[in-house]
Each structure stands twice: as structure tokens, then as C-alpha cells.
mmCIF file of all heavy atoms, coordinates in Angstrom:
data_MODEL
# 
_entry.id   MODEL 
# 
loop_
_atom_site.group_PDB 
_atom_site.id 
_atom_site.type_symbol 
_atom_site.label_atom_id 
_atom_site.label_alt_id 
_atom_site.label_comp_id 
_atom_site.label_asym_id 
_atom_site.label_entity_id 
_atom_site.label_seq_id 
_atom_site.pdbx_PDB_ins_code 
_atom_site.Cartn_x 
_atom_site.Cartn_y 
_atom_site.Cartn_z 
_atom_site.occupancy 
_atom_site.B_iso_or_equiv 
_atom_site.pdbx_formal_charge 
_atom_site.auth_seq_id 
_atom_site.auth_comp_id 
_atom_site.auth_asym_id 
_atom_site.auth_atom_id 
_atom_site.pdbx_PDB_model_num 
ATOM 1   N N   . ASN A 1 1  ? 44.709 -193.874 132.564 1.00 0.00 ? 1  ASN A N   1 
ATOM 2   C CA  . ASN A 1 1  ? 45.859 -193.384 133.313 1.00 0.00 ? 1  ASN A CA  1 
ATOM 3   C C   . ASN A 1 1  ? 47.106 -193.481 132.449 1.00 0.00 ? 1  ASN A C   1 
ATOM 4   O O   . ASN A 1 1  ? 47.068 -193.993 131.322 1.00 0.00 ? 1  ASN A O   1 
ATOM 5   C CB  . ASN A 1 1  ? 46.047 -194.191 134.611 1.00 0.00 ? 1  ASN A CB  1 
ATOM 6   C CG  . ASN A 1 1  ? 46.043 -195.692 134.365 1.00 0.00 ? 1  ASN A CG  1 
ATOM 7   O OD1 . ASN A 1 1  ? 46.700 -196.170 133.439 1.00 0.00 ? 1  ASN A OD1 1 
ATOM 8   N ND2 . ASN A 1 1  ? 45.289 -196.439 135.158 1.00 0.00 ? 1  ASN A ND2 1 
ATOM 9   N N   . TYR A 1 2  ? 48.226 -193.013 133.003 1.00 0.00 ? 2  TYR A N   1 
ATOM 10  C CA  . TYR A 1 2  ? 49.462 -193.019 132.224 1.00 0.00 ? 2  TYR A CA  1 
ATOM 11  C C   . TYR A 1 2  ? 49.930 -194.444 131.930 1.00 0.00 ? 2  TYR A C   1 
ATOM 12  O O   . TYR A 1 2  ? 50.505 -194.694 130.859 1.00 0.00 ? 2  TYR A O   1 
ATOM 13  C CB  . TYR A 1 2  ? 50.570 -192.262 132.954 1.00 0.00 ? 2  TYR A CB  1 
ATOM 14  C CG  . TYR A 1 2  ? 51.883 -192.373 132.222 1.00 0.00 ? 2  TYR A CG  1 
ATOM 15  C CD1 . TYR A 1 2  ? 52.059 -191.734 130.987 1.00 0.00 ? 2  TYR A CD1 1 
ATOM 16  C CD2 . TYR A 1 2  ? 52.930 -193.163 132.712 1.00 0.00 ? 2  TYR A CD2 1 
ATOM 17  C CE1 . TYR A 1 2  ? 53.239 -191.861 130.283 1.00 0.00 ? 2  TYR A CE1 1 
ATOM 18  C CE2 . TYR A 1 2  ? 54.116 -193.292 132.009 1.00 0.00 ? 2  TYR A CE2 1 
ATOM 19  C CZ  . TYR A 1 2  ? 54.269 -192.642 130.794 1.00 0.00 ? 2  TYR A CZ  1 
ATOM 20  O OH  . TYR A 1 2  ? 55.429 -192.782 130.092 1.00 0.00 ? 2  TYR A OH  1 
ATOM 21  N N   . ARG A 1 3  ? 49.679 -195.356 132.807 1.00 0.00 ? 3  ARG A N   1 
ATOM 22  C CA  . ARG A 1 3  ? 50.100 -196.740 132.554 1.00 0.00 ? 3  ARG A CA  1 
ATOM 23  C C   . ARG A 1 3  ? 49.488 -197.260 131.256 1.00 0.00 ? 3  ARG A C   1 
ATOM 24  O O   . ARG A 1 3  ? 50.173 -197.862 130.434 1.00 0.00 ? 3  ARG A O   1 
ATOM 25  C CB  . ARG A 1 3  ? 49.707 -197.635 133.729 1.00 0.00 ? 3  ARG A CB  1 
ATOM 26  C CG  . ARG A 1 3  ? 50.128 -199.082 133.580 1.00 0.00 ? 3  ARG A CG  1 
ATOM 27  C CD  . ARG A 1 3  ? 49.737 -199.882 134.800 1.00 0.00 ? 3  ARG A CD  1 
ATOM 28  N NE  . ARG A 1 3  ? 50.103 -201.286 134.665 1.00 0.00 ? 3  ARG A NE  1 
ATOM 29  C CZ  . ARG A 1 3  ? 49.863 -202.216 135.588 1.00 0.00 ? 3  ARG A CZ  1 
ATOM 30  N NH1 . ARG A 1 3  ? 49.238 -201.860 136.718 1.00 0.00 ? 3  ARG A NH1 1 
ATOM 31  N NH2 . ARG A 1 3  ? 50.217 -203.462 135.386 1.00 0.00 ? 3  ARG A NH2 1 
ATOM 32  N N   . GLU A 1 4  ? 48.194 -197.003 131.061 1.00 0.00 ? 4  GLU A N   1 
ATOM 33  C CA  . GLU A 1 4  ? 47.541 -197.426 129.822 1.00 0.00 ? 4  GLU A CA  1 
ATOM 34  C C   . GLU A 1 4  ? 48.074 -196.632 128.629 1.00 0.00 ? 4  GLU A C   1 
ATOM 35  O O   . GLU A 1 4  ? 48.272 -197.185 127.543 1.00 0.00 ? 4  GLU A O   1 
ATOM 36  C CB  . GLU A 1 4  ? 46.026 -197.245 129.934 1.00 0.00 ? 4  GLU A CB  1 
ATOM 37  C CG  . GLU A 1 4  ? 45.355 -198.209 130.895 1.00 0.00 ? 4  GLU A CG  1 
ATOM 38  C CD  . GLU A 1 4  ? 43.843 -198.071 130.883 1.00 0.00 ? 4  GLU A CD  1 
ATOM 39  O OE1 . GLU A 1 4  ? 43.317 -197.285 130.051 1.00 0.00 ? 4  GLU A OE1 1 
ATOM 40  O OE2 . GLU A 1 4  ? 43.190 -198.733 131.697 1.00 0.00 ? 4  GLU A OE2 1 
ATOM 41  N N   . TYR A 1 5  ? 48.310 -195.338 128.833 1.00 0.00 ? 5  TYR A N   1 
ATOM 42  C CA  . TYR A 1 5  ? 48.818 -194.495 127.748 1.00 0.00 ? 5  TYR A CA  1 
ATOM 43  C C   . TYR A 1 5  ? 50.194 -194.983 127.307 1.00 0.00 ? 5  TYR A C   1 
ATOM 44  O O   . TYR A 1 5  ? 50.474 -195.102 126.094 1.00 0.00 ? 5  TYR A O   1 
ATOM 45  C CB  . TYR A 1 5  ? 48.893 -193.047 128.232 1.00 0.00 ? 5  TYR A CB  1 
ATOM 46  C CG  . TYR A 1 5  ? 48.948 -192.004 127.130 1.00 0.00 ? 5  TYR A CG  1 
ATOM 47  C CD1 . TYR A 1 5  ? 47.783 -191.455 126.606 1.00 0.00 ? 5  TYR A CD1 1 
ATOM 48  C CD2 . TYR A 1 5  ? 50.157 -191.559 126.622 1.00 0.00 ? 5  TYR A CD2 1 
ATOM 49  C CE1 . TYR A 1 5  ? 47.813 -190.486 125.609 1.00 0.00 ? 5  TYR A CE1 1 
ATOM 50  C CE2 . TYR A 1 5  ? 50.208 -190.589 125.631 1.00 0.00 ? 5  TYR A CE2 1 
ATOM 51  C CZ  . TYR A 1 5  ? 49.035 -190.055 125.124 1.00 0.00 ? 5  TYR A CZ  1 
ATOM 52  O OH  . TYR A 1 5  ? 49.087 -189.107 124.136 1.00 0.00 ? 5  TYR A OH  1 
ATOM 53  N N   . ALA A 1 6  ? 51.054 -195.271 128.268 1.00 0.00 ? 6  ALA A N   1 
ATOM 54  C CA  . ALA A 1 6  ? 52.407 -195.748 127.949 1.00 0.00 ? 6  ALA A CA  1 
ATOM 55  C C   . ALA A 1 6  ? 52.355 -197.083 127.219 1.00 0.00 ? 6  ALA A C   1 
ATOM 56  O O   . ALA A 1 6  ? 53.174 -197.349 126.320 1.00 0.00 ? 6  ALA A O   1 
ATOM 57  C CB  . ALA A 1 6  ? 53.238 -195.860 129.222 1.00 0.00 ? 6  ALA A CB  1 
ATOM 58  N N   . ALA A 1 7  ? 51.400 -197.942 127.582 1.00 0.00 ? 7  ALA A N   1 
ATOM 59  C CA  . ALA A 1 7  ? 51.268 -199.237 126.898 1.00 0.00 ? 7  ALA A CA  1 
ATOM 60  C C   . ALA A 1 7  ? 50.906 -199.015 125.426 1.00 0.00 ? 7  ALA A C   1 
ATOM 61  O O   . ALA A 1 7  ? 51.410 -199.728 124.541 1.00 0.00 ? 7  ALA A O   1 
ATOM 62  C CB  . ALA A 1 7  ? 50.204 -200.085 127.589 1.00 0.00 ? 7  ALA A CB  1 
ATOM 63  N N   . ARG A 1 8  ? 50.048 -198.023 125.164 1.00 0.00 ? 8  ARG A N   1 
ATOM 64  C CA  . ARG A 1 8  ? 49.696 -197.724 123.783 1.00 0.00 ? 8  ARG A CA  1 
ATOM 65  C C   . ARG A 1 8  ? 50.920 -197.195 123.028 1.00 0.00 ? 8  ARG A C   1 
ATOM 66  O O   . ARG A 1 8  ? 51.136 -197.535 121.863 1.00 0.00 ? 8  ARG A O   1 
ATOM 67  C CB  . ARG A 1 8  ? 48.563 -196.689 123.732 1.00 0.00 ? 8  ARG A CB  1 
ATOM 68  C CG  . ARG A 1 8  ? 47.251 -197.118 124.399 1.00 0.00 ? 8  ARG A CG  1 
ATOM 69  C CD  . ARG A 1 8  ? 46.442 -198.083 123.535 1.00 0.00 ? 8  ARG A CD  1 
ATOM 70  N NE  . ARG A 1 8  ? 47.046 -199.387 123.409 1.00 0.00 ? 8  ARG A NE  1 
ATOM 71  C CZ  . ARG A 1 8  ? 47.019 -200.333 124.335 1.00 0.00 ? 8  ARG A CZ  1 
ATOM 72  N NH1 . ARG A 1 8  ? 46.411 -200.112 125.473 1.00 0.00 ? 8  ARG A NH1 1 
ATOM 73  N NH2 . ARG A 1 8  ? 47.603 -201.505 124.114 1.00 0.00 ? 8  ARG A NH2 1 
ATOM 74  N N   . LEU A 1 9  ? 51.724 -196.335 123.657 1.00 0.00 ? 9  LEU A N   1 
ATOM 75  C CA  . LEU A 1 9  ? 52.926 -195.814 123.011 1.00 0.00 ? 9  LEU A CA  1 
ATOM 76  C C   . LEU A 1 9  ? 53.900 -196.937 122.672 1.00 0.00 ? 9  LEU A C   1 
ATOM 77  O O   . LEU A 1 9  ? 54.486 -196.957 121.580 1.00 0.00 ? 9  LEU A O   1 
ATOM 78  C CB  . LEU A 1 9  ? 53.607 -194.777 123.907 1.00 0.00 ? 9  LEU A CB  1 
ATOM 79  C CG  . LEU A 1 9  ? 52.856 -193.462 124.156 1.00 0.00 ? 9  LEU A CG  1 
ATOM 80  C CD1 . LEU A 1 9  ? 53.656 -192.588 125.130 1.00 0.00 ? 9  LEU A CD1 1 
ATOM 81  C CD2 . LEU A 1 9  ? 52.614 -192.713 122.859 1.00 0.00 ? 9  LEU A CD2 1 
ATOM 82  N N   . ARG A 1 10 ? 54.077 -197.868 123.581 1.00 0.00 ? 10 ARG A N   1 
ATOM 83  C CA  . ARG A 1 10 ? 55.020 -198.976 123.330 1.00 0.00 ? 10 ARG A CA  1 
ATOM 84  C C   . ARG A 1 10 ? 54.536 -199.852 122.182 1.00 0.00 ? 10 ARG A C   1 
ATOM 85  O O   . ARG A 1 10 ? 55.328 -200.269 121.330 1.00 0.00 ? 10 ARG A O   1 
ATOM 86  C CB  . ARG A 1 10 ? 55.202 -199.812 124.601 1.00 0.00 ? 10 ARG A CB  1 
ATOM 87  C CG  . ARG A 1 10 ? 55.987 -199.119 125.704 1.00 0.00 ? 10 ARG A CG  1 
ATOM 88  C CD  . ARG A 1 10 ? 56.394 -200.098 126.782 1.00 0.00 ? 10 ARG A CD  1 
ATOM 89  N NE  . ARG A 1 10 ? 55.236 -200.692 127.449 1.00 0.00 ? 10 ARG A NE  1 
ATOM 90  C CZ  . ARG A 1 10 ? 54.634 -200.190 128.522 1.00 0.00 ? 10 ARG A CZ  1 
ATOM 91  N NH1 . ARG A 1 10 ? 55.065 -199.037 129.047 1.00 0.00 ? 10 ARG A NH1 1 
ATOM 92  N NH2 . ARG A 1 10 ? 53.609 -200.793 129.085 1.00 0.00 ? 10 ARG A NH2 1 
ATOM 93  N N   . GLU A 1 11 ? 53.247 -200.120 122.151 1.00 0.00 ? 11 GLU A N   1 
ATOM 94  C CA  . GLU A 1 11 ? 52.732 -200.976 121.087 1.00 0.00 ? 11 GLU A CA  1 
ATOM 95  C C   . GLU A 1 11 ? 52.828 -200.280 119.731 1.00 0.00 ? 11 GLU A C   1 
ATOM 96  O O   . GLU A 1 11 ? 53.162 -200.909 118.717 1.00 0.00 ? 11 GLU A O   1 
ATOM 97  C CB  . GLU A 1 11 ? 51.284 -201.376 121.380 1.00 0.00 ? 11 GLU A CB  1 
ATOM 98  C CG  . GLU A 1 11 ? 50.759 -202.453 120.444 1.00 0.00 ? 11 GLU A CG  1 
ATOM 99  C CD  . GLU A 1 11 ? 49.513 -203.128 120.963 1.00 0.00 ? 11 GLU A CD  1 
ATOM 100 O OE1 . GLU A 1 11 ? 48.914 -202.627 121.949 1.00 0.00 ? 11 GLU A OE1 1 
ATOM 101 O OE2 . GLU A 1 11 ? 49.130 -204.161 120.392 1.00 0.00 ? 11 GLU A OE2 1 
ATOM 102 N N   . MET A 1 12 ? 52.559 -198.975 119.695 1.00 0.00 ? 12 MET A N   1 
ATOM 103 C CA  . MET A 1 12 ? 52.698 -198.239 118.451 1.00 0.00 ? 12 MET A CA  1 
ATOM 104 C C   . MET A 1 12 ? 54.145 -198.245 117.976 1.00 0.00 ? 12 MET A C   1 
ATOM 105 O O   . MET A 1 12 ? 54.413 -198.340 116.774 1.00 0.00 ? 12 MET A O   1 
ATOM 106 C CB  . MET A 1 12 ? 52.193 -196.803 118.623 1.00 0.00 ? 12 MET A CB  1 
ATOM 107 C CG  . MET A 1 12 ? 50.676 -196.699 118.732 1.00 0.00 ? 12 MET A CG  1 
ATOM 108 S SD  . MET A 1 12 ? 50.083 -194.985 118.704 1.00 0.00 ? 12 MET A SD  1 
ATOM 109 C CE  . MET A 1 12 ? 50.791 -194.356 120.217 1.00 0.00 ? 12 MET A CE  1 
ATOM 110 N N   . ALA A 1 13 ? 55.086 -198.147 118.896 1.00 0.00 ? 13 ALA A N   1 
ATOM 111 C CA  . ALA A 1 13 ? 56.506 -198.150 118.520 1.00 0.00 ? 13 ALA A CA  1 
ATOM 112 C C   . ALA A 1 13 ? 56.915 -199.491 117.924 1.00 0.00 ? 13 ALA A C   1 
ATOM 113 O O   . ALA A 1 13 ? 57.790 -199.547 117.045 1.00 0.00 ? 13 ALA A O   1 
ATOM 114 C CB  . ALA A 1 13 ? 57.369 -197.819 119.734 1.00 0.00 ? 13 ALA A CB  1 
ATOM 115 N N   . ARG A 1 14 ? 56.289 -200.575 118.390 1.00 0.00 ? 14 ARG A N   1 
ATOM 116 C CA  . ARG A 1 14 ? 56.596 -201.897 117.811 1.00 0.00 ? 14 ARG A CA  1 
ATOM 117 C C   . ARG A 1 14 ? 56.032 -202.019 116.395 1.00 0.00 ? 14 ARG A C   1 
ATOM 118 O O   . ARG A 1 14 ? 56.624 -202.682 115.542 1.00 0.00 ? 14 ARG A O   1 
ATOM 119 C CB  . ARG A 1 14 ? 56.031 -203.012 118.699 1.00 0.00 ? 14 ARG A CB  1 
ATOM 120 C CG  . ARG A 1 14 ? 56.767 -203.201 120.011 1.00 0.00 ? 14 ARG A CG  1 
ATOM 121 C CD  . ARG A 1 14 ? 56.391 -204.511 120.684 1.00 0.00 ? 14 ARG A CD  1 
ATOM 122 N NE  . ARG A 1 14 ? 55.009 -204.537 121.121 1.00 0.00 ? 14 ARG A NE  1 
ATOM 123 C CZ  . ARG A 1 14 ? 54.592 -204.133 122.324 1.00 0.00 ? 14 ARG A CZ  1 
ATOM 124 N NH1 . ARG A 1 14 ? 55.473 -203.659 123.199 1.00 0.00 ? 14 ARG A NH1 1 
ATOM 125 N NH2 . ARG A 1 14 ? 53.324 -204.210 122.663 1.00 0.00 ? 14 ARG A NH2 1 
ATOM 126 N N   . ILE A 1 15 ? 54.900 -201.382 116.151 1.00 0.00 ? 15 ILE A N   1 
ATOM 127 C CA  . ILE A 1 15 ? 54.275 -201.442 114.824 1.00 0.00 ? 15 ILE A CA  1 
ATOM 128 C C   . ILE A 1 15 ? 54.934 -200.441 113.880 1.00 0.00 ? 15 ILE A C   1 
ATOM 129 O O   . ILE A 1 15 ? 55.285 -200.775 112.747 1.00 0.00 ? 15 ILE A O   1 
ATOM 130 C CB  . ILE A 1 15 ? 52.766 -201.155 114.937 1.00 0.00 ? 15 ILE A CB  1 
ATOM 131 C CG1 . ILE A 1 15 ? 52.078 -202.241 115.754 1.00 0.00 ? 15 ILE A CG1 1 
ATOM 132 C CG2 . ILE A 1 15 ? 52.131 -201.047 113.550 1.00 0.00 ? 15 ILE A CG2 1 
ATOM 133 C CD1 . ILE A 1 15 ? 50.650 -201.897 116.150 1.00 0.00 ? 15 ILE A CD1 1 
ATOM 134 N N   . GLY A 1 16 ? 55.079 -199.221 114.341 1.00 0.00 ? 16 GLY A N   1 
ATOM 135 C CA  . GLY A 1 16 ? 55.654 -198.155 113.520 1.00 0.00 ? 16 GLY A CA  1 
ATOM 136 C C   . GLY A 1 16 ? 57.144 -198.048 113.771 1.00 0.00 ? 16 GLY A C   1 
ATOM 137 O O   . GLY A 1 16 ? 57.595 -197.124 114.460 1.00 0.00 ? 16 GLY A O   1 
ATOM 138 N N   . THR A 1 17 ? 57.901 -198.953 113.220 1.00 0.00 ? 17 THR A N   1 
ATOM 139 C CA  . THR A 1 17 ? 59.348 -198.968 113.489 1.00 0.00 ? 17 THR A CA  1 
ATOM 140 C C   . THR A 1 17 ? 60.031 -197.699 112.993 1.00 0.00 ? 17 THR A C   1 
ATOM 141 O O   . THR A 1 17 ? 61.073 -197.295 113.521 1.00 0.00 ? 17 THR A O   1 
ATOM 142 C CB  . THR A 1 17 ? 59.988 -200.200 112.850 1.00 0.00 ? 17 THR A CB  1 
ATOM 143 O OG1 . THR A 1 17 ? 59.604 -200.264 111.461 1.00 0.00 ? 17 THR A OG1 1 
ATOM 144 C CG2 . THR A 1 17 ? 59.522 -201.473 113.551 1.00 0.00 ? 17 THR A CG2 1 
ATOM 145 N N   . ASP A 1 18 ? 59.459 -197.059 111.965 1.00 0.00 ? 18 ASP A N   1 
ATOM 146 C CA  . ASP A 1 18 ? 59.993 -195.790 111.470 1.00 0.00 ? 18 ASP A CA  1 
ATOM 147 C C   . ASP A 1 18 ? 59.126 -194.600 111.877 1.00 0.00 ? 18 ASP A C   1 
ATOM 148 O O   . ASP A 1 18 ? 59.638 -193.506 112.085 1.00 0.00 ? 18 ASP A O   1 
ATOM 149 C CB  . ASP A 1 18 ? 60.104 -195.822 109.939 1.00 0.00 ? 18 ASP A CB  1 
ATOM 150 C CG  . ASP A 1 18 ? 61.081 -196.874 109.455 1.00 0.00 ? 18 ASP A CG  1 
ATOM 151 O OD1 . ASP A 1 18 ? 62.270 -196.789 109.800 1.00 0.00 ? 18 ASP A OD1 1 
ATOM 152 O OD2 . ASP A 1 18 ? 60.635 -197.795 108.739 1.00 0.00 ? 18 ASP A OD2 1 
ATOM 153 N N   . LEU A 1 19 ? 57.820 -194.820 111.967 1.00 0.00 ? 19 LEU A N   1 
ATOM 154 C CA  . LEU A 1 19 ? 56.878 -193.751 112.324 1.00 0.00 ? 19 LEU A CA  1 
ATOM 155 C C   . LEU A 1 19 ? 56.086 -194.186 113.554 1.00 0.00 ? 19 LEU A C   1 
ATOM 156 O O   . LEU A 1 19 ? 54.952 -194.669 113.440 1.00 0.00 ? 19 LEU A O   1 
ATOM 157 C CB  . LEU A 1 19 ? 55.936 -193.442 111.159 1.00 0.00 ? 19 LEU A CB  1 
ATOM 158 C CG  . LEU A 1 19 ? 56.577 -192.997 109.838 1.00 0.00 ? 19 LEU A CG  1 
ATOM 159 C CD1 . LEU A 1 19 ? 55.510 -192.734 108.794 1.00 0.00 ? 19 LEU A CD1 1 
ATOM 160 C CD2 . LEU A 1 19 ? 57.445 -191.765 110.036 1.00 0.00 ? 19 LEU A CD2 1 
ATOM 161 N N   . PRO A 1 20 ? 56.670 -194.039 114.753 1.00 0.00 ? 20 PRO A N   1 
ATOM 162 C CA  . PRO A 1 20 ? 56.023 -194.587 115.955 1.00 0.00 ? 20 PRO A CA  1 
ATOM 163 C C   . PRO A 1 20 ? 54.864 -193.762 116.483 1.00 0.00 ? 20 PRO A C   1 
ATOM 164 O O   . PRO A 1 20 ? 54.087 -194.264 117.309 1.00 0.00 ? 20 PRO A O   1 
ATOM 165 C CB  . PRO A 1 20 ? 57.169 -194.597 116.976 1.00 0.00 ? 20 PRO A CB  1 
ATOM 166 C CG  . PRO A 1 20 ? 58.076 -193.490 116.535 1.00 0.00 ? 20 PRO A CG  1 
ATOM 167 C CD  . PRO A 1 20 ? 57.994 -193.475 115.039 1.00 0.00 ? 20 PRO A CD  1 
ATOM 168 N N   . TYR A 1 21 ? 54.728 -192.492 116.043 1.00 0.00 ? 21 TYR A N   1 
ATOM 169 C CA  . TYR A 1 21 ? 53.704 -191.618 116.596 1.00 0.00 ? 21 TYR A CA  1 
ATOM 170 C C   . TYR A 1 21 ? 52.771 -191.139 115.490 1.00 0.00 ? 21 TYR A C   1 
ATOM 171 O O   . TYR A 1 21 ? 53.081 -190.194 114.767 1.00 0.00 ? 21 TYR A O   1 
ATOM 172 C CB  . TYR A 1 21 ? 54.340 -190.402 117.277 1.00 0.00 ? 21 TYR A CB  1 
ATOM 173 C CG  . TYR A 1 21 ? 55.383 -190.748 118.306 1.00 0.00 ? 21 TYR A CG  1 
ATOM 174 C CD1 . TYR A 1 21 ? 56.667 -190.208 118.217 1.00 0.00 ? 21 TYR A CD1 1 
ATOM 175 C CD2 . TYR A 1 21 ? 55.099 -191.607 119.355 1.00 0.00 ? 21 TYR A CD2 1 
ATOM 176 C CE1 . TYR A 1 21 ? 57.637 -190.518 119.157 1.00 0.00 ? 21 TYR A CE1 1 
ATOM 177 C CE2 . TYR A 1 21 ? 56.065 -191.931 120.293 1.00 0.00 ? 21 TYR A CE2 1 
ATOM 178 C CZ  . TYR A 1 21 ? 57.339 -191.381 120.188 1.00 0.00 ? 21 TYR A CZ  1 
ATOM 179 O OH  . TYR A 1 21 ? 58.298 -191.704 121.121 1.00 0.00 ? 21 TYR A OH  1 
ATOM 180 N N   . PRO A 1 22 ? 51.620 -191.764 115.313 1.00 0.00 ? 22 PRO A N   1 
ATOM 181 C CA  . PRO A 1 22 ? 50.700 -191.312 114.265 1.00 0.00 ? 22 PRO A CA  1 
ATOM 182 C C   . PRO A 1 22 ? 50.093 -189.972 114.634 1.00 0.00 ? 22 PRO A C   1 
ATOM 183 O O   . PRO A 1 22 ? 50.002 -189.595 115.811 1.00 0.00 ? 22 PRO A O   1 
ATOM 184 C CB  . PRO A 1 22 ? 49.640 -192.413 114.240 1.00 0.00 ? 22 PRO A CB  1 
ATOM 185 C CG  . PRO A 1 22 ? 49.618 -192.931 115.641 1.00 0.00 ? 22 PRO A CG  1 
ATOM 186 C CD  . PRO A 1 22 ? 51.055 -192.872 116.098 1.00 0.00 ? 22 PRO A CD  1 
ATOM 187 N N   . ARG A 1 23 ? 49.671 -189.259 113.618 1.00 0.00 ? 23 ARG A N   1 
ATOM 188 C CA  . ARG A 1 23 ? 49.036 -187.964 113.839 1.00 0.00 ? 23 ARG A CA  1 
ATOM 189 C C   . ARG A 1 23 ? 47.812 -188.095 114.735 1.00 0.00 ? 23 ARG A C   1 
ATOM 190 O O   . ARG A 1 23 ? 47.500 -187.196 115.520 1.00 0.00 ? 23 ARG A O   1 
ATOM 191 C CB  . ARG A 1 23 ? 48.648 -187.366 112.483 1.00 0.00 ? 23 ARG A CB  1 
ATOM 192 C CG  . ARG A 1 23 ? 48.068 -185.979 112.547 1.00 0.00 ? 23 ARG A CG  1 
ATOM 193 C CD  . ARG A 1 23 ? 47.890 -185.402 111.147 1.00 0.00 ? 23 ARG A CD  1 
ATOM 194 N NE  . ARG A 1 23 ? 47.370 -184.047 111.184 1.00 0.00 ? 23 ARG A NE  1 
ATOM 195 C CZ  . ARG A 1 23 ? 47.221 -183.291 110.113 1.00 0.00 ? 23 ARG A CZ  1 
ATOM 196 N NH1 . ARG A 1 23 ? 47.574 -183.755 108.929 1.00 0.00 ? 23 ARG A NH1 1 
ATOM 197 N NH2 . ARG A 1 23 ? 46.738 -182.065 110.206 1.00 0.00 ? 23 ARG A NH2 1 
ATOM 198 N N   . ALA A 1 24 ? 47.127 -189.235 114.650 1.00 0.00 ? 24 ALA A N   1 
ATOM 199 C CA  . ALA A 1 24 ? 45.912 -189.443 115.438 1.00 0.00 ? 24 ALA A CA  1 
ATOM 200 C C   . ALA A 1 24 ? 46.169 -189.454 116.934 1.00 0.00 ? 24 ALA A C   1 
ATOM 201 O O   . ALA A 1 24 ? 45.231 -189.295 117.721 1.00 0.00 ? 24 ALA A O   1 
ATOM 202 C CB  . ALA A 1 24 ? 45.250 -190.755 115.025 1.00 0.00 ? 24 ALA A CB  1 
ATOM 203 N N   . LEU A 1 25 ? 47.424 -189.630 117.348 1.00 0.00 ? 25 LEU A N   1 
ATOM 204 C CA  . LEU A 1 25 ? 47.725 -189.605 118.777 1.00 0.00 ? 25 LEU A CA  1 
ATOM 205 C C   . LEU A 1 25 ? 47.312 -188.277 119.392 1.00 0.00 ? 25 LEU A C   1 
ATOM 206 O O   . LEU A 1 25 ? 46.860 -188.223 120.541 1.00 0.00 ? 25 LEU A O   1 
ATOM 207 C CB  . LEU A 1 25 ? 49.224 -189.861 118.993 1.00 0.00 ? 25 LEU A CB  1 
ATOM 208 C CG  . LEU A 1 25 ? 49.711 -189.886 120.440 1.00 0.00 ? 25 LEU A CG  1 
ATOM 209 C CD1 . LEU A 1 25 ? 49.038 -191.009 121.227 1.00 0.00 ? 25 LEU A CD1 1 
ATOM 210 C CD2 . LEU A 1 25 ? 51.236 -190.030 120.496 1.00 0.00 ? 25 LEU A CD2 1 
ATOM 211 N N   . ALA A 1 26 ? 47.458 -187.187 118.637 1.00 0.00 ? 26 ALA A N   1 
ATOM 212 C CA  . ALA A 1 26 ? 47.059 -185.876 119.147 1.00 0.00 ? 26 ALA A CA  1 
ATOM 213 C C   . ALA A 1 26 ? 45.561 -185.822 119.412 1.00 0.00 ? 26 ALA A C   1 
ATOM 214 O O   . ALA A 1 26 ? 45.110 -185.170 120.363 1.00 0.00 ? 26 ALA A O   1 
ATOM 215 C CB  . ALA A 1 26 ? 47.459 -184.786 118.163 1.00 0.00 ? 26 ALA A CB  1 
ATOM 216 N N   . GLY A 1 27 ? 44.765 -186.510 118.572 1.00 0.00 ? 27 GLY A N   1 
ATOM 217 C CA  . GLY A 1 27 ? 43.331 -186.543 118.799 1.00 0.00 ? 27 GLY A CA  1 
ATOM 218 C C   . GLY A 1 27 ? 42.972 -187.302 120.066 1.00 0.00 ? 27 GLY A C   1 
ATOM 219 O O   . GLY A 1 27 ? 42.125 -186.863 120.850 1.00 0.00 ? 27 GLY A O   1 
ATOM 220 N N   . VAL A 1 28 ? 43.623 -188.449 120.272 1.00 0.00 ? 28 VAL A N   1 
ATOM 221 C CA  . VAL A 1 28 ? 43.361 -189.225 121.482 1.00 0.00 ? 28 VAL A CA  1 
ATOM 222 C C   . VAL A 1 28 ? 43.750 -188.415 122.713 1.00 0.00 ? 28 VAL A C   1 
ATOM 223 O O   . VAL A 1 28 ? 43.018 -188.372 123.714 1.00 0.00 ? 28 VAL A O   1 
ATOM 224 C CB  . VAL A 1 28 ? 44.120 -190.562 121.439 1.00 0.00 ? 28 VAL A CB  1 
ATOM 225 C CG1 . VAL A 1 28 ? 43.981 -191.311 122.761 1.00 0.00 ? 28 VAL A CG1 1 
ATOM 226 C CG2 . VAL A 1 28 ? 43.599 -191.422 120.290 1.00 0.00 ? 28 VAL A CG2 1 
ATOM 227 N N   . GLU A 1 29 ? 44.904 -187.746 122.650 1.00 0.00 ? 29 GLU A N   1 
ATOM 228 C CA  . GLU A 1 29 ? 45.343 -186.933 123.791 1.00 0.00 ? 29 GLU A CA  1 
ATOM 229 C C   . GLU A 1 29 ? 44.362 -185.794 124.053 1.00 0.00 ? 29 GLU A C   1 
ATOM 230 O O   . GLU A 1 29 ? 44.029 -185.504 125.206 1.00 0.00 ? 29 GLU A O   1 
ATOM 231 C CB  . GLU A 1 29 ? 46.727 -186.366 123.507 1.00 0.00 ? 29 GLU A CB  1 
ATOM 232 C CG  . GLU A 1 29 ? 47.274 -185.537 124.653 1.00 0.00 ? 29 GLU A CG  1 
ATOM 233 C CD  . GLU A 1 29 ? 48.126 -184.372 124.194 1.00 0.00 ? 29 GLU A CD  1 
ATOM 234 O OE1 . GLU A 1 29 ? 47.862 -183.824 123.111 1.00 0.00 ? 29 GLU A OE1 1 
ATOM 235 O OE2 . GLU A 1 29 ? 49.048 -183.998 124.935 1.00 0.00 ? 29 GLU A OE2 1 
# 
């Protein structure tokens, strides 16, 4: 669900301080 998706986005933003959205996100979506 979106709750889990949003949690993944937040965690990626903490790791990727400059690049928060990896290209692989499109594959997961």
C-alpha cells in the first residue's frame, strides 16, 4: 500500500541526501 511505499521513499531520502530517487524505483513501481 501507499503507507509502505512512502516509508521506502523516506528511507531512500535519508540515504540519498543528494540522489533520493534511484532509477530502480521505476522498476519497483
